[in-house]
Protein backbone atom coordinates (compact mmCIF):
# COMPACT_ATOMS: atom_id res chain seq x y z
CA MET A 1 -0.28 -0.07 17.02
CA THR A 2 -3.87 1.17 17.81
CA ALA A 3 -7.03 0.04 16.58
CA SER A 4 -7.33 3.02 14.74
CA GLY A 5 -3.97 3.01 13.57
CA LEU A 6 -4.69 -0.96 12.17
CA ILE A 7 -7.84 0.37 10.56
CA VAL A 8 -6.11 3.09 8.49
CA PHE A 9 -3.38 0.76 7.66
CA LEU A 10 -5.92 -1.75 6.12
CA LEU A 11 -7.85 1.04 4.36
CA ILE A 12 -4.68 2.41 2.59
CA GLY A 13 -3.85 -1.01 1.69
CA ALA A 14 -7.29 -1.95 0.04
CA ILE A 15 -7.19 1.62 -1.71
CA ALA A 16 -3.74 1.17 -3.26
CA GLY A 17 -4.32 -2.67 -4.16
CA TRP A 18 -7.65 -1.15 -5.50
CA LEU A 19 -6.02 1.38 -7.68
CA ALA A 20 -3.13 -0.95 -8.78
CA GLY A 21 -5.57 -3.86 -9.86
CA LEU A 22 -7.26 -0.90 -12.06
CA ILE A 23 -3.84 0.15 -13.47
CA VAL A 24 -2.49 -3.24 -13.96
CA ARG A 25 -5.41 -4.85 -15.83
CA GLY A 26 -6.79 -8.33 -15.34
CA PHE A 27 -5.15 -8.77 -11.77
CA GLY A 28 -8.05 -7.98 -9.52
CA PHE A 29 -7.73 -10.18 -6.21
CA GLY A 30 -10.91 -9.08 -4.28
CA LEU A 31 -11.06 -7.39 -1.10
CA LEU A 32 -8.79 -9.30 0.79
CA GLY A 33 -6.35 -9.95 -1.82
CA ASN A 34 -6.07 -6.31 -2.71
CA ILE A 35 -5.51 -5.33 0.79
CA VAL A 36 -2.70 -8.27 0.89
CA VAL A 37 -1.44 -6.43 -2.65
CA GLY A 38 -1.42 -2.97 -1.00
CA ILE A 39 0.17 -3.59 2.10
CA ILE A 40 2.84 -5.83 0.57
CA GLY A 41 3.15 -2.60 -2.29
CA ALA A 42 3.50 -0.32 0.52
CA PHE A 43 6.63 -2.07 2.14
CA LEU A 44 8.14 -2.69 -1.23
CA ALA A 45 7.49 1.00 -2.19
CA GLY A 46 9.19 2.05 0.90
CA TRP A 47 12.43 0.02 0.49
CA LEU A 48 12.47 0.64 -3.36
CA LEU A 49 11.62 4.00 -4.33
CA PRO A 50 14.04 5.69 -1.69
CA ARG A 51 16.83 3.40 -3.27
CA LEU A 52 15.95 5.10 -6.39
CA GLY A 53 16.32 8.20 -5.02
CA ILE A 54 12.59 9.20 -5.48
CA SER A 55 10.94 11.12 -2.70
CA PHE A 56 7.88 13.10 -2.79
CA MET A 57 5.31 14.64 -0.77
CA LEU A 58 1.84 15.61 -2.13
CA VAL A 59 -1.41 16.93 -0.11
CA SER A 60 -1.47 15.34 2.97
CA PRO A 61 0.58 12.26 4.58
CA LEU A 62 -2.54 10.00 3.80
CA VAL A 63 -2.92 10.80 0.10
CA THR A 64 1.36 10.23 -0.29
CA SER A 65 1.06 6.71 1.81
CA ILE A 66 -1.75 5.57 -0.62
CA VAL A 67 0.21 6.76 -3.67
CA TYR A 68 3.56 5.29 -2.31
CA ALA A 69 1.82 2.17 -1.62
CA MET A 70 -0.02 2.02 -4.94
CA ILE A 71 3.51 2.58 -6.72
CA GLY A 72 4.78 -0.50 -4.97
CA ALA A 73 1.42 -2.60 -5.66
CA VAL A 74 1.71 -1.75 -9.14
CA VAL A 75 5.34 -2.92 -9.35
CA LEU A 76 4.19 -5.97 -7.24
CA LEU A 77 1.41 -6.89 -9.65
CA VAL A 78 3.68 -6.49 -13.06
CA ILE A 79 6.19 -9.02 -11.32
CA LEU A 80 3.37 -11.53 -10.39
CA GLY A 81 2.17 -10.81 -13.77
CA LEU A 82 5.10 -11.85 -15.56
CA ILE A 83 6.05 -15.00 -13.00
CA ARG A 84 2.22 -15.92 -14.19
CA ARG A 85 2.92 -15.93 -17.81
CA ALA A 86 6.29 -17.55 -17.46
């Protein structure tokens, strides 16, 4: 992975984590935490969505990657919220 690829990967993770934190209220983790949540969410969505038969393409591959990662990050934050409450 090149340096520019890594920067794009981290930016997608940060944007997805931030958006997921806005959607799932009360689960903001700061910039570094949002990047981690977004990256884990991207892997989670990449594994979960194809198994559910969900596949889509938006305006560009970048936007599609952000939306996929955001969906995974939202799922991750909901799971973390359920674990915290238990």
